[in-house]
Amino acid sequence: MDERQKGILKEIVECYIKEAKPIGSKYLCDKFNCSSATIRNEMAFLEKLGLVEKNHISSGRIPSEAGYRYYVENLMEPKELTGEDMLKLQTIFSNQNLVVSDAIEECLQIISDITNYTSIALGKESELNTLKQISIIPLDEEHIVALVCTDKGIVKNKQFTIPKTINIKEVVKTSEIINKMLVGTPIASIAERLEYEIKPIISQQIKQYETIYDIFYNAFNDFVSSKENFHVVGKSKMLAQPEYNDSNEIKKLVAKLEDEDTIRKIEKTDDKNISIYIGKESEFDDNVTVIKTNYSLGGEKGTIAIVGPKRMEYDRVVGLLNILNKWLEEKGE
């Protein structure tokens, strides 16, 4: 392609992203100061290359998947965030009190608000996590929450129903024994030490020690077996896009955004800083684009992904993830 053809393709992509309407030759004639015959020839050339295609209800052109791919690899420049958007992110970046999971979740909310797309985090806890504290929070006479915190800032909780015959004070006492003996122990080794070190001690001090032991064993086992976690924010944002006026498309997308196995298909597997998967490339849905990046923060590793229509503001999303990556790298140092 020559420079004019590249310019026309760039204009078709960016205008379609903004307007969600096929781009006609008249608009391009005015933009490039060319005759309608010249523009039609250039559009026919781009169509022959497979970079644009005709919309079935209009003589205008829209980008094809190949056209979007050429655009992001050759024509797009990441867009700088506005001062307002940066300020929203800075409120999280500057908050030293947020644990890792909360920081990531708040980032997702702001990303979704800024872009009007769905944002997803898929995380894996590092095997290097060690126990910092386990706390017991009574909810009422029959329900408690066991809160497990690690040295890497990861927090997990599990709710239990306890028999009326169990004294909550004894549950709390057991947690104190565990904290005294097991703080600093790798989470993966907790179960073994509970069995061989903690159980013999509480059997001497706690009346119904078997039931209480099971509470703590299950809390830690839950933490270890939950190797991955994910958050999905802004599901309804996608449904506001013009692409989802069709009720069948809405149902299909909602089902995918609520299905854990489908969500996990978008987990990042390559080594690129930022990866863009358009349509069929995404393995998530043929009608969406998924833009992903890795993160490693406080011992937690995972992927942050933004899911939007193929008509996504690629330059803005990539600019946003560049800022996020920079912050994650600085925080991880």
C-alpha atoms as a PDB file:
ATOM      1  CA  MET A   1       0.000   0.000   0.000  1.00  0.00           C
ATOM      2  CA  ASP A   2       1.089   3.551  -0.622  1.00  0.00           C
ATOM      3  CA  GLU A   3       0.730   6.304   1.966  1.00  0.00           C
ATOM      4  CA  ARG A   4      -2.668   7.454   0.724  1.00  0.00           C
ATOM      5  CA  GLN A   5      -4.083   3.940   0.877  1.00  0.00           C
ATOM      6  CA  LYS A   6      -2.721   3.544   4.403  1.00  0.00           C
ATOM      7  CA  GLY A   7      -4.266   6.885   5.333  1.00  0.00           C
ATOM      8  CA  ILE A   8      -7.630   5.848   3.903  1.00  0.00           C
ATOM      9  CA  LEU A   9      -7.550   2.539   5.798  1.00  0.00           C
ATOM     10  CA  LYS A  10      -6.610   4.345   9.030  1.00  0.00           C
ATOM     11  CA  GLU A  11      -9.481   6.789   8.528  1.00  0.00           C
ATOM     12  CA  ILE A  12     -11.981   4.012   7.808  1.00  0.00           C
ATOM     13  CA  VAL A  13     -10.942   2.125  10.959  1.00  0.00           C
ATOM     14  CA  GLU A  14     -10.913   5.134  13.293  1.00  0.00           C
ATOM     15  CA  CYS A  15     -14.101   6.636  11.911  1.00  0.00           C
ATOM     16  CA  TYR A  16     -15.936   3.322  12.137  1.00  0.00           C
ATOM     17  CA  ILE A  17     -14.711   2.857  15.705  1.00  0.00           C
ATOM     18  CA  LYS A  18     -16.155   6.249  16.596  1.00  0.00           C
ATOM     19  CA  GLU A  19     -19.410   6.216  14.604  1.00  0.00           C
ATOM     20  CA  ALA A  20     -20.237   2.502  14.208  1.00  0.00           C
ATOM     21  CA  LYS A  21     -21.454   3.316  10.673  1.00  0.00           C
ATOM     22  CA  PRO A  22     -20.012   2.253   7.278  1.00  0.00           C
ATOM     23  CA  ILE A  23     -17.701   4.861   5.770  1.00  0.00           C
ATOM     24  CA  GLY A  24     -18.762   6.176   2.374  1.00  0.00           C
ATOM     25  CA  SER A  25     -16.677   7.616  -0.452  1.00  0.00           C
ATOM     26  CA  LYS A  26     -18.114  11.136  -0.085  1.00  0.00           C
ATOM     27  CA  TYR A  27     -16.680  11.521   3.416  1.00  0.00           C
ATOM     28  CA  LEU A  28     -13.291  10.258   2.241  1.00  0.00           C
ATOM     29  CA  CYS A  29     -13.332  12.543  -0.810  1.00  0.00           C
ATOM     30  CA  ASP A  30     -13.658  15.563   1.448  1.00  0.00           C
ATOM     31  CA  LYS A  31     -11.074  14.225   3.898  1.00  0.00           C
ATOM     32  CA  PHE A  32      -8.398  13.426   1.291  1.00  0.00           C
ATOM     33  CA  ASN A  33      -9.354  16.034  -1.303  1.00  0.00           C
ATOM     34  CA  CYS A  34      -9.726  13.392  -4.024  1.00  0.00           C
ATOM     35  CA  SER A  35     -12.344  12.670  -6.651  1.00  0.00           C
ATOM     36  CA  SER A  36     -15.008  10.081  -5.921  1.00  0.00           C
ATOM     37  CA  ALA A  37     -13.585   7.868  -8.689  1.00  0.00           C
ATOM     38  CA  THR A  38     -10.147   7.900  -7.039  1.00  0.00           C
ATOM     39  CA  ILE A  39     -11.580   7.045  -3.610  1.00  0.00           C
ATOM     40  CA  ARG A  40     -13.723   4.236  -5.048  1.00  0.00           C
ATOM     41  CA  ASN A  41     -10.644   2.772  -6.730  1.00  0.00           C
ATOM     42  CA  GLU A  42      -8.649   2.969  -3.494  1.00  0.00           C
ATOM     43  CA  MET A  43     -11.474   1.372  -1.500  1.00  0.00           C
ATOM     44  CA  ALA A  44     -11.781  -1.384  -4.108  1.00  0.00           C
ATOM     45  CA  PHE A  45      -8.031  -1.990  -3.762  1.00  0.00           C
ATOM     46  CA  LEU A  46      -8.291  -2.214   0.031  1.00  0.00           C
ATOM     47  CA  GLU A  47     -11.241  -4.574  -0.342  1.00  0.00           C
ATOM     48  CA  LYS A  48      -9.238  -6.758  -2.737  1.00  0.00           C
ATOM     49  CA  LEU A  49      -6.518  -6.978  -0.069  1.00  0.00           C
ATOM     50  CA  GLY A  50      -9.159  -8.103   2.411  1.00  0.00           C
ATOM     51  CA  LEU A  51      -8.647  -5.092   4.697  1.00  0.00           C
ATOM     52  CA  VAL A  52     -12.144  -3.604   4.310  1.00  0.00           C
ATOM     53  CA  GLU A  53     -15.485  -5.102   3.392  1.00  0.00           C
ATOM     54  CA  LYS A  54     -18.871  -3.916   2.241  1.00  0.00           C
ATOM     55  CA  ASN A  55     -21.648  -3.615   4.742  1.00  0.00           C
ATOM     56  CA  HIS A  56     -24.699  -5.515   3.526  1.00  0.00           C
ATOM     57  CA  ILE A  57     -27.013  -2.526   4.025  1.00  0.00           C
ATOM     58  CA  SER A  58     -24.772   0.191   2.643  1.00  0.00           C
ATOM     59  CA  SER A  59     -22.332   0.984  -0.121  1.00  0.00           C
ATOM     60  CA  GLY A  60     -19.860   2.134   2.525  1.00  0.00           C
ATOM     61  CA  ARG A  61     -16.987   0.064   3.873  1.00  0.00           C
ATOM     62  CA  ILE A  62     -16.151  -1.245   7.307  1.00  0.00           C
ATOM     63  CA  PRO A  63     -12.839  -2.726   8.529  1.00  0.00           C
ATOM     64  CA  SER A  64     -12.389  -6.489   8.279  1.00  0.00           C
ATOM     65  CA  GLU A  65     -10.559  -8.448  10.979  1.00  0.00           C
ATOM     66  CA  ALA A  66      -7.478  -8.288   8.746  1.00  0.00           C
ATOM     67  CA  GLY A  67      -7.969  -4.536   8.459  1.00  0.00           C
ATOM     68  CA  TYR A  68      -8.063  -4.121  12.232  1.00  0.00           C
ATOM     69  CA  ARG A  69      -4.967  -6.310  12.515  1.00  0.00           C
ATOM     70  CA  TYR A  70      -3.054  -4.207   9.967  1.00  0.00           C
ATOM     71  CA  TYR A  71      -4.190  -1.072  11.777  1.00  0.00           C
ATOM     72  CA  VAL A  72      -2.974  -2.139  15.229  1.00  0.00           C
ATOM     73  CA  GLU A  73       0.363  -3.427  13.910  1.00  0.00           C
ATOM     74  CA  ASN A  74       1.213  -0.644  11.475  1.00  0.00           C
ATOM     75  CA  LEU A  75      -0.955   2.465  11.803  1.00  0.00           C
ATOM     76  CA  MET A  76      -2.097   2.841  15.408  1.00  0.00           C
ATOM     77  CA  GLU A  77      -0.333   4.994  17.982  1.00  0.00           C
ATOM     78  CA  PRO A  78      -1.231   4.527  21.656  1.00  0.00           C
ATOM     79  CA  LYS A  79      -3.299   7.449  22.899  1.00  0.00           C
ATOM     80  CA  GLU A  80      -2.264   9.353  26.014  1.00  0.00           C
ATOM     81  CA  LEU A  81      -4.781   9.340  28.833  1.00  0.00           C
ATOM     82  CA  THR A  82      -6.632  12.513  29.692  1.00  0.00           C
ATOM     83  CA  GLY A  83      -5.829  14.263  32.953  1.00  0.00           C
ATOM     84  CA  GLU A  84      -9.174  13.130  34.348  1.00  0.00           C
ATOM     85  CA  ASP A  85      -8.497   9.469  33.522  1.00  0.00           C
ATOM     86  CA  MET A  86      -4.990   9.659  34.992  1.00  0.00           C
ATOM     87  CA  LEU A  87      -6.384  11.176  38.192  1.00  0.00           C
ATOM     88  CA  LYS A  88      -8.779   8.239  38.578  1.00  0.00           C
ATOM     89  CA  LEU A  89      -5.927   5.758  38.312  1.00  0.00           C
ATOM     90  CA  GLN A  90      -3.642   7.785  40.574  1.00  0.00           C
ATOM     91  CA  THR A  91      -6.123   7.371  43.436  1.00  0.00           C
ATOM     92  CA  ILE A  92      -5.329   3.651  43.346  1.00  0.00           C
ATOM     93  CA  PHE A  93      -1.648   3.915  42.442  1.00  0.00           C
ATOM     94  CA  SER A  94      -0.965   6.185  45.412  1.00  0.00           C
ATOM     95  CA  ASN A  95      -2.939   4.128  47.966  1.00  0.00           C
ATOM     96  CA  GLN A  96      -0.320   2.168  49.921  1.00  0.00           C
ATOM     97  CA  ASN A  97      -2.908   0.502  52.150  1.00  0.00           C
ATOM     98  CA  LEU A  98      -4.628  -1.576  49.467  1.00  0.00           C
ATOM     99  CA  VAL A  99      -3.826  -5.286  49.424  1.00  0.00           C
ATOM    100  CA  VAL A 100      -3.017  -6.782  46.020  1.00  0.00           C
ATOM    101  CA  SER A 101      -6.441  -8.272  45.319  1.00  0.00           C
ATOM    102  CA  ASP A 102      -8.227  -5.023  46.202  1.00  0.00           C
ATOM    103  CA  ALA A 103      -5.854  -2.920  44.101  1.00  0.00           C
ATOM    104  CA  ILE A 104      -6.407  -5.114  41.045  1.00  0.00           C
ATOM    105  CA  GLU A 105     -10.183  -5.123  41.529  1.00  0.00           C
ATOM    106  CA  GLU A 106     -10.351  -1.347  41.860  1.00  0.00           C
ATOM    107  CA  CYS A 107      -8.187  -0.998  38.743  1.00  0.00           C
ATOM    108  CA  LEU A 108     -10.683  -3.163  36.865  1.00  0.00           C
ATOM    109  CA  GLN A 109     -13.570  -0.927  37.888  1.00  0.00           C
ATOM    110  CA  ILE A 110     -11.799   2.228  36.755  1.00  0.00           C
ATOM    111  CA  ILE A 111     -10.663   0.614  33.472  1.00  0.00           C
ATOM    112  CA  SER A 112     -14.242  -0.424  32.759  1.00  0.00           C
ATOM    113  CA  ASP A 113     -15.534   3.068  33.583  1.00  0.00           C
ATOM    114  CA  ILE A 114     -12.902   4.762  31.402  1.00  0.00           C
ATOM    115  CA  THR A 115     -13.341   2.501  28.375  1.00  0.00           C
ATOM    116  CA  ASN A 116     -16.991   1.425  28.653  1.00  0.00           C
ATOM    117  CA  TYR A 117     -15.834  -2.139  28.046  1.00  0.00           C
ATOM    118  CA  THR A 118     -15.700  -5.241  30.243  1.00  0.00           C
ATOM    119  CA  SER A 119     -12.505  -5.752  32.246  1.00  0.00           C
ATOM    120  CA  ILE A 120     -11.297  -9.069  33.614  1.00  0.00           C
ATOM    121  CA  ALA A 121      -8.506 -10.185  35.940  1.00  0.00           C
ATOM    122  CA  LEU A 122      -7.267 -13.772  36.069  1.00  0.00           C
ATOM    123  CA  GLY A 123      -4.807 -14.363  38.867  1.00  0.00           C
ATOM    124  CA  LYS A 124      -2.580 -17.108  40.198  1.00  0.00           C
ATOM    125  CA  GLU A 125      -1.194 -16.990  43.697  1.00  0.00           C
ATOM    126  CA  SER A 126       2.525 -17.477  44.026  1.00  0.00           C
ATOM    127  CA  GLU A 127       3.634 -20.661  45.779  1.00  0.00           C
ATOM    128  CA  LEU A 128       5.910 -18.427  47.849  1.00  0.00           C
ATOM    129  CA  ASN A 129       2.998 -17.062  49.910  1.00  0.00           C
ATOM    130  CA  THR A 130       3.427 -17.655  53.623  1.00  0.00           C
ATOM    131  CA  LEU A 131       0.888 -17.308  56.396  1.00  0.00           C
ATOM    132  CA  LYS A 132       0.739 -13.862  57.944  1.00  0.00           C
ATOM    133  CA  GLN A 133      -2.400 -14.328  60.021  1.00  0.00           C
ATOM    134  CA  ILE A 134      -5.652 -16.222  60.277  1.00  0.00           C
ATOM    135  CA  SER A 135      -8.526 -14.412  61.946  1.00  0.00           C
ATOM    136  CA  ILE A 136     -11.929 -15.602  63.074  1.00  0.00           C
ATOM    137  CA  ILE A 137     -14.798 -13.146  62.707  1.00  0.00           C
ATOM    138  CA  PRO A 138     -18.076 -14.171  64.427  1.00  0.00           C
ATOM    139  CA  LEU A 139     -21.164 -13.200  62.392  1.00  0.00           C
ATOM    140  CA  ASP A 140     -23.724 -14.564  64.825  1.00  0.00           C
ATOM    141  CA  GLU A 141     -24.040 -17.561  67.180  1.00  0.00           C
ATOM    142  CA  GLU A 142     -23.895 -20.090  64.339  1.00  0.00           C
ATOM    143  CA  HIS A 143     -21.781 -18.459  61.645  1.00  0.00           C
ATOM    144  CA  ILE A 144     -18.165 -17.342  61.451  1.00  0.00           C
ATOM    145  CA  VAL A 145     -15.776 -16.157  58.762  1.00  0.00           C
ATOM    146  CA  ALA A 146     -12.198 -17.459  58.644  1.00  0.00           C
ATOM    147  CA  LEU A 147      -9.904 -14.828  57.123  1.00  0.00           C
ATOM    148  CA  VAL A 148      -6.533 -16.029  55.799  1.00  0.00           C
ATOM    149  CA  CYS A 149      -3.890 -13.355  55.045  1.00  0.00           C
ATOM    150  CA  THR A 150      -0.484 -13.947  53.452  1.00  0.00           C
ATOM    151  CA  ASP A 151       2.747 -11.991  53.540  1.00  0.00           C
ATOM    152  CA  LYS A 152       2.175 -11.074  49.856  1.00  0.00           C
ATOM    153  CA  GLY A 153      -1.000  -9.170  50.646  1.00  0.00           C
ATOM    154  CA  ILE A 154      -3.433 -11.839  49.426  1.00  0.00           C
ATOM    155  CA  VAL A 155      -6.576 -12.224  51.508  1.00  0.00           C
ATOM    156  CA  LYS A 156      -9.108 -15.069  51.279  1.00  0.00           C
ATOM    157  CA  ASN A 157     -12.172 -15.672  53.415  1.00  0.00           C
ATOM    158  CA  LYS A 158     -14.515 -18.598  53.919  1.00  0.00           C
ATOM    159  CA  GLN A 159     -17.775 -18.666  55.856  1.00  0.00           C
ATOM    160  CA  PHE A 160     -18.643 -21.606  58.136  1.00  0.00           C
ATOM    161  CA  THR A 161     -21.734 -22.717  59.976  1.00  0.00           C
ATOM    162  CA  ILE A 162     -20.805 -24.102  63.386  1.00  0.00           C
ATOM    163  CA  PRO A 163     -22.921 -26.356  65.609  1.00  0.00           C
ATOM    164  CA  LYS A 164     -24.573 -24.697  68.603  1.00  0.00           C
ATOM    165  CA  THR A 165     -22.548 -27.001  70.828  1.00  0.00           C
ATOM    166  CA  ILE A 166     -19.324 -25.302  69.710  1.00  0.00           C
ATOM    167  CA  ASN A 167     -18.097 -22.354  71.732  1.00  0.00           C
ATOM    168  CA  ILE A 168     -16.819 -19.609  69.418  1.00  0.00           C
ATOM    169  CA  LYS A 169     -14.224 -18.700  72.052  1.00  0.00           C
ATOM    170  CA  GLU A 170     -12.604 -22.085  71.481  1.00  0.00           C
ATOM    171  CA  VAL A 171     -12.498 -21.434  67.731  1.00  0.00           C
ATOM    172  CA  VAL A 172     -10.776 -18.124  68.391  1.00  0.00           C
ATOM    173  CA  LYS A 173      -8.372 -19.799  70.822  1.00  0.00           C
ATOM    174  CA  THR A 174      -7.438 -22.329  68.124  1.00  0.00           C
ATOM    175  CA  SER A 175      -6.722 -19.495  65.678  1.00  0.00           C
ATOM    176  CA  GLU A 176      -4.399 -17.945  68.270  1.00  0.00           C
ATOM    177  CA  ILE A 177      -2.494 -21.245  68.606  1.00  0.00           C
ATOM    178  CA  ILE A 178      -2.155 -21.490  64.811  1.00  0.00           C
ATOM    179  CA  ASN A 179      -0.926 -17.899  64.547  1.00  0.00           C
ATOM    180  CA  LYS A 180       1.612 -18.475  67.293  1.00  0.00           C
ATOM    181  CA  MET A 181       3.024 -21.637  65.710  1.00  0.00           C
ATOM    182  CA  LEU A 182       2.509 -21.329  61.952  1.00  0.00           C
ATOM    183  CA  VAL A 183       3.032 -17.685  60.966  1.00  0.00           C
ATOM    184  CA  GLY A 184       5.728 -17.658  58.274  1.00  0.00           C
ATOM    185  CA  THR A 185       4.874 -21.169  57.050  1.00  0.00           C
ATOM    186  CA  PRO A 186       4.341 -21.582  53.280  1.00  0.00           C
ATOM    187  CA  ILE A 187       0.611 -21.902  52.640  1.00  0.00           C
ATOM    188  CA  ALA A 188       1.145 -25.172  50.759  1.00  0.00           C
ATOM    189  CA  SER A 189       2.726 -26.712  53.896  1.00  0.00           C
ATOM    190  CA  ILE A 190       0.038 -25.629  56.354  1.00  0.00           C
ATOM    191  CA  ALA A 191      -2.145 -28.744  56.049  1.00  0.00           C
ATOM    192  CA  GLU A 192       0.676 -31.089  57.038  1.00  0.00           C
ATOM    193  CA  ARG A 193       1.685 -28.973  60.027  1.00  0.00           C
ATOM    194  CA  LEU A 194      -1.956 -28.673  61.129  1.00  0.00           C
ATOM    195  CA  GLU A 195      -2.234 -32.454  61.196  1.00  0.00           C
ATOM    196  CA  TYR A 196       1.029 -33.272  62.935  1.00  0.00           C
ATOM    197  CA  GLU A 197       1.701 -30.228  65.130  1.00  0.00           C
ATOM    198  CA  ILE A 198      -1.526 -28.323  65.794  1.00  0.00           C
ATOM    199  CA  LYS A 199      -4.013 -31.172  66.119  1.00  0.00           C
ATOM    200  CA  PRO A 200      -2.182 -32.896  69.008  1.00  0.00           C
ATOM    201  CA  ILE A 201      -2.048 -29.577  70.911  1.00  0.00           C
ATOM    202  CA  ILE A 202      -5.696 -28.576  70.475  1.00  0.00           C
ATOM    203  CA  SER A 203      -6.814 -32.123  71.322  1.00  0.00           C
ATOM    204  CA  GLN A 204      -5.487 -31.403  74.811  1.00  0.00           C
ATOM    205  CA  GLN A 205      -7.025 -27.921  75.152  1.00  0.00           C
ATOM    206  CA  ILE A 206     -10.218 -27.861  73.064  1.00  0.00           C
ATOM    207  CA  LYS A 207     -13.289 -29.950  73.860  1.00  0.00           C
ATOM    208  CA  GLN A 208     -14.685 -30.645  70.359  1.00  0.00           C
ATOM    209  CA  TYR A 209     -11.333 -30.296  68.710  1.00  0.00           C
ATOM    210  CA  GLU A 210     -12.154 -32.495  65.677  1.00  0.00           C
ATOM    211  CA  THR A 211     -14.942 -30.178  64.491  1.00  0.00           C
ATOM    212  CA  ILE A 212     -12.891 -27.062  65.123  1.00  0.00           C
ATOM    213  CA  TYR A 213      -9.834 -28.595  63.456  1.00  0.00           C
ATOM    214  CA  ASP A 214     -11.931 -29.231  60.330  1.00  0.00           C
ATOM    215  CA  ILE A 215     -12.856 -25.540  60.135  1.00  0.00           C
ATOM    216  CA  PHE A 216      -9.224 -24.489  59.881  1.00  0.00           C
ATOM    217  CA  TYR A 217      -8.212 -27.376  57.667  1.00  0.00           C
ATOM    218  CA  ASN A 218     -10.974 -26.493  55.190  1.00  0.00           C
ATOM    219  CA  ALA A 219     -10.097 -22.790  55.273  1.00  0.00           C
ATOM    220  CA  PHE A 220      -6.465 -23.447  54.330  1.00  0.00           C
ATOM    221  CA  ASN A 221      -7.354 -26.208  51.884  1.00  0.00           C
ATOM    222  CA  ASP A 222      -9.703 -23.794  50.127  1.00  0.00           C
ATOM    223  CA  PHE A 223      -6.887 -21.281  49.823  1.00  0.00           C
ATOM    224  CA  VAL A 224      -4.446 -23.811  48.349  1.00  0.00           C
ATOM    225  CA  SER A 225      -6.908 -25.501  45.974  1.00  0.00           C
ATOM    226  CA  SER A 226      -8.049 -22.133  44.614  1.00  0.00           C
ATOM    227  CA  LYS A 227      -5.010 -21.751  42.399  1.00  0.00           C
ATOM    228  CA  GLU A 228      -6.742 -19.228  40.185  1.00  0.00           C
ATOM    229  CA  ASN A 229      -9.164 -16.429  40.844  1.00  0.00           C
ATOM    230  CA  PHE A 230     -10.923 -14.087  38.529  1.00  0.00           C
ATOM    231  CA  HIS A 231     -12.937 -10.902  38.604  1.00  0.00           C
ATOM    232  CA  VAL A 232     -15.230  -9.657  35.837  1.00  0.00           C
ATOM    233  CA  VAL A 233     -16.284  -6.003  35.966  1.00  0.00           C
ATOM    234  CA  GLY A 234     -18.596  -4.079  33.656  1.00  0.00           C
ATOM    235  CA  LYS A 235     -20.548  -6.890  31.971  1.00  0.00           C
ATOM    236  CA  SER A 236     -23.377  -4.482  31.184  1.00  0.00           C
ATOM    237  CA  LYS A 237     -20.960  -2.044  29.493  1.00  0.00           C
ATOM    238  CA  MET A 238     -20.602  -4.377  26.528  1.00  0.00           C
ATOM    239  CA  LEU A 239     -24.352  -4.720  26.161  1.00  0.00           C
ATOM    240  CA  ALA A 240     -24.619  -0.957  25.611  1.00  0.00           C
ATOM    241  CA  GLN A 241     -22.540  -1.237  22.417  1.00  0.00           C
ATOM    242  CA  PRO A 242     -24.463  -1.006  19.101  1.00  0.00           C
ATOM    243  CA  GLU A 243     -23.250  -4.499  18.160  1.00  0.00           C
ATOM    244  CA  TYR A 244     -25.536  -5.936  20.815  1.00  0.00           C
ATOM    245  CA  ASN A 245     -28.972  -4.791  19.698  1.00  0.00           C
ATOM    246  CA  ASP A 246     -29.805  -8.385  18.841  1.00  0.00           C
ATOM    247  CA  SER A 247     -31.246 -10.322  21.804  1.00  0.00           C
ATOM    248  CA  ASN A 248     -29.564 -13.572  20.708  1.00  0.00           C
ATOM    249  CA  GLU A 249     -26.144 -11.888  20.641  1.00  0.00           C
ATOM    250  CA  ILE A 250     -26.815 -10.461  24.117  1.00  0.00           C
ATOM    251  CA  LYS A 251     -27.734 -13.878  25.529  1.00  0.00           C
ATOM    252  CA  LYS A 252     -24.664 -15.478  23.958  1.00  0.00           C
ATOM    253  CA  LEU A 253     -22.267 -12.863  25.319  1.00  0.00           C
ATOM    254  CA  VAL A 254     -23.801 -12.808  28.821  1.00  0.00           C
ATOM    255  CA  ALA A 255     -23.541 -16.603  29.004  1.00  0.00           C
ATOM    256  CA  LYS A 256     -19.837 -16.441  28.107  1.00  0.00           C
ATOM    257  CA  LEU A 257     -19.082 -13.667  30.594  1.00  0.00           C
ATOM    258  CA  GLU A 258     -20.691 -15.731  33.348  1.00  0.00           C
ATOM    259  CA  ASP A 259     -19.021 -19.034  32.461  1.00  0.00           C
ATOM    260  CA  GLU A 260     -15.789 -19.637  34.353  1.00  0.00           C
ATOM    261  CA  ASP A 261     -14.326 -22.102  31.844  1.00  0.00           C
ATOM    262  CA  THR A 262     -14.937 -19.714  28.944  1.00  0.00           C
ATOM    263  CA  ILE A 263     -13.463 -16.786  30.860  1.00  0.00           C
ATOM    264  CA  ARG A 264     -10.296 -18.763  31.562  1.00  0.00           C
ATOM    265  CA  LYS A 265      -9.724 -19.255  27.824  1.00  0.00           C
ATOM    266  CA  ILE A 266      -8.599 -15.640  27.586  1.00  0.00           C
ATOM    267  CA  GLU A 267      -5.722 -16.151  30.019  1.00  0.00           C
ATOM    268  CA  LYS A 268      -2.508 -14.788  28.568  1.00  0.00           C
ATOM    269  CA  THR A 269      -0.057 -17.420  27.367  1.00  0.00           C
ATOM    270  CA  ASP A 270       2.466 -15.445  25.312  1.00  0.00           C
ATOM    271  CA  ASP A 271       5.372 -13.244  26.360  1.00  0.00           C
ATOM    272  CA  LYS A 272       4.300  -9.975  24.754  1.00  0.00           C
ATOM    273  CA  ASN A 273       3.889  -6.927  26.960  1.00  0.00           C
ATOM    274  CA  ILE A 274       0.430  -6.256  25.511  1.00  0.00           C
ATOM    275  CA  SER A 275      -1.384  -8.728  23.255  1.00  0.00           C
ATOM    276  CA  ILE A 276      -4.345  -7.983  20.997  1.00  0.00           C
ATOM    277  CA  TYR A 277      -6.687 -10.744  19.829  1.00  0.00           C
ATOM    278  CA  ILE A 278      -9.287  -9.720  17.259  1.00  0.00           C
ATOM    279  CA  GLY A 279     -12.455 -11.715  16.553  1.00  0.00           C
ATOM    280  CA  LYS A 280     -11.668 -15.376  15.915  1.00  0.00           C
ATOM    281  CA  GLU A 281      -8.142 -14.900  17.316  1.00  0.00           C
ATOM    282  CA  SER A 282      -9.563 -14.393  20.814  1.00  0.00           C
ATOM    283  CA  GLU A 283     -10.892 -17.954  21.279  1.00  0.00           C
ATOM    284  CA  PHE A 284     -13.498 -16.234  23.445  1.00  0.00           C
ATOM    285  CA  ASP A 285     -16.029 -14.851  20.967  1.00  0.00           C
ATOM    286  CA  ASP A 286     -15.793 -14.193  17.223  1.00  0.00           C
ATOM    287  CA  ASN A 287     -17.374 -10.746  17.589  1.00  0.00           C
ATOM    288  CA  VAL A 288     -15.105  -9.261  20.239  1.00  0.00           C
ATOM    289  CA  THR A 289     -11.549  -8.037  20.686  1.00  0.00           C
ATOM    290  CA  VAL A 290      -9.555  -9.026  23.762  1.00  0.00           C
ATOM    291  CA  ILE A 291      -6.536  -6.942  24.763  1.00  0.00           C
ATOM    292  CA  LYS A 292      -4.429  -8.516  27.507  1.00  0.00           C
ATOM    293  CA  THR A 293      -1.370  -7.882  29.622  1.00  0.00           C
ATOM    294  CA  ASN A 294       0.460  -9.825  32.334  1.00  0.00           C
ATOM    295  CA  TYR A 295       0.925  -8.533  35.853  1.00  0.00           C
ATOM    296  CA  SER A 296       3.094  -9.559  38.762  1.00  0.00           C
ATOM    297  CA  LEU A 297       2.404  -7.775  42.013  1.00  0.00           C
ATOM    298  CA  GLY A 298       3.088  -8.666  45.612  1.00  0.00           C
ATOM    299  CA  GLY A 299       3.646 -12.318  44.811  1.00  0.00           C
ATOM    300  CA  GLU A 300       0.478 -12.584  42.754  1.00  0.00           C
ATOM    301  CA  LYS A 301       0.750 -13.205  39.025  1.00  0.00           C
ATOM    302  CA  GLY A 302      -1.968 -13.060  36.442  1.00  0.00           C
ATOM    303  CA  THR A 303      -3.588 -11.408  33.473  1.00  0.00           C
ATOM    304  CA  ILE A 304      -5.664  -8.275  33.047  1.00  0.00           C
ATOM    305  CA  ALA A 305      -7.862  -8.285  29.951  1.00  0.00           C
ATOM    306  CA  ILE A 306     -10.193  -5.764  28.380  1.00  0.00           C
ATOM    307  CA  VAL A 307     -13.031  -7.200  26.304  1.00  0.00           C
ATOM    308  CA  GLY A 308     -14.822  -4.985  23.809  1.00  0.00           C
ATOM    309  CA  PRO A 309     -16.330  -5.071  20.335  1.00  0.00           C
ATOM    310  CA  LYS A 310     -13.988  -5.483  17.363  1.00  0.00           C
ATOM    311  CA  ARG A 311     -14.776  -1.800  16.884  1.00  0.00           C
ATOM    312  CA  MET A 312     -12.719  -1.099  19.989  1.00  0.00           C
ATOM    313  CA  GLU A 313     -10.753   2.079  20.689  1.00  0.00           C
ATOM    314  CA  TYR A 314      -7.467   0.211  20.336  1.00  0.00           C
ATOM    315  CA  ASP A 315      -5.254   3.274  20.750  1.00  0.00           C
ATOM    316  CA  ARG A 316      -6.952   4.303  23.987  1.00  0.00           C
ATOM    317  CA  VAL A 317      -6.985   0.812  25.516  1.00  0.00           C
ATOM    318  CA  VAL A 318      -3.310   0.177  24.676  1.00  0.00           C
ATOM    319  CA  GLY A 319      -2.392   3.587  26.105  1.00  0.00           C
ATOM    320  CA  LEU A 320      -4.259   2.718  29.295  1.00  0.00           C
ATOM    321  CA  LEU A 321      -2.561  -0.667  29.664  1.00  0.00           C
ATOM    322  CA  ASN A 322       0.841   0.937  29.057  1.00  0.00           C
ATOM    323  CA  ILE A 323       0.203   3.219  32.051  1.00  0.00           C
ATOM    324  CA  LEU A 324      -1.032   0.292  34.128  1.00  0.00           C
ATOM    325  CA  ASN A 325       2.021  -1.810  33.228  1.00  0.00           C
ATOM    326  CA  LYS A 326       4.358   1.002  34.219  1.00  0.00           C
ATOM    327  CA  TRP A 327       2.681   1.302  37.622  1.00  0.00           C
ATOM    328  CA  LEU A 328       2.729  -2.465  38.180  1.00  0.00           C
ATOM    329  CA  GLU A 329       6.438  -2.613  37.345  1.00  0.00           C
ATOM    330  CA  GLU A 330       7.228   0.250  39.747  1.00  0.00           C
ATOM    331  CA  LYS A 331       5.123  -1.263  42.511  1.00  0.00           C
ATOM    332  CA  GLY A 332       6.732  -4.654  42.009  1.00  0.00           C
ATOM    333  CA  GLU A 333      10.283  -3.341  42.364  1.00  0.00           C
END
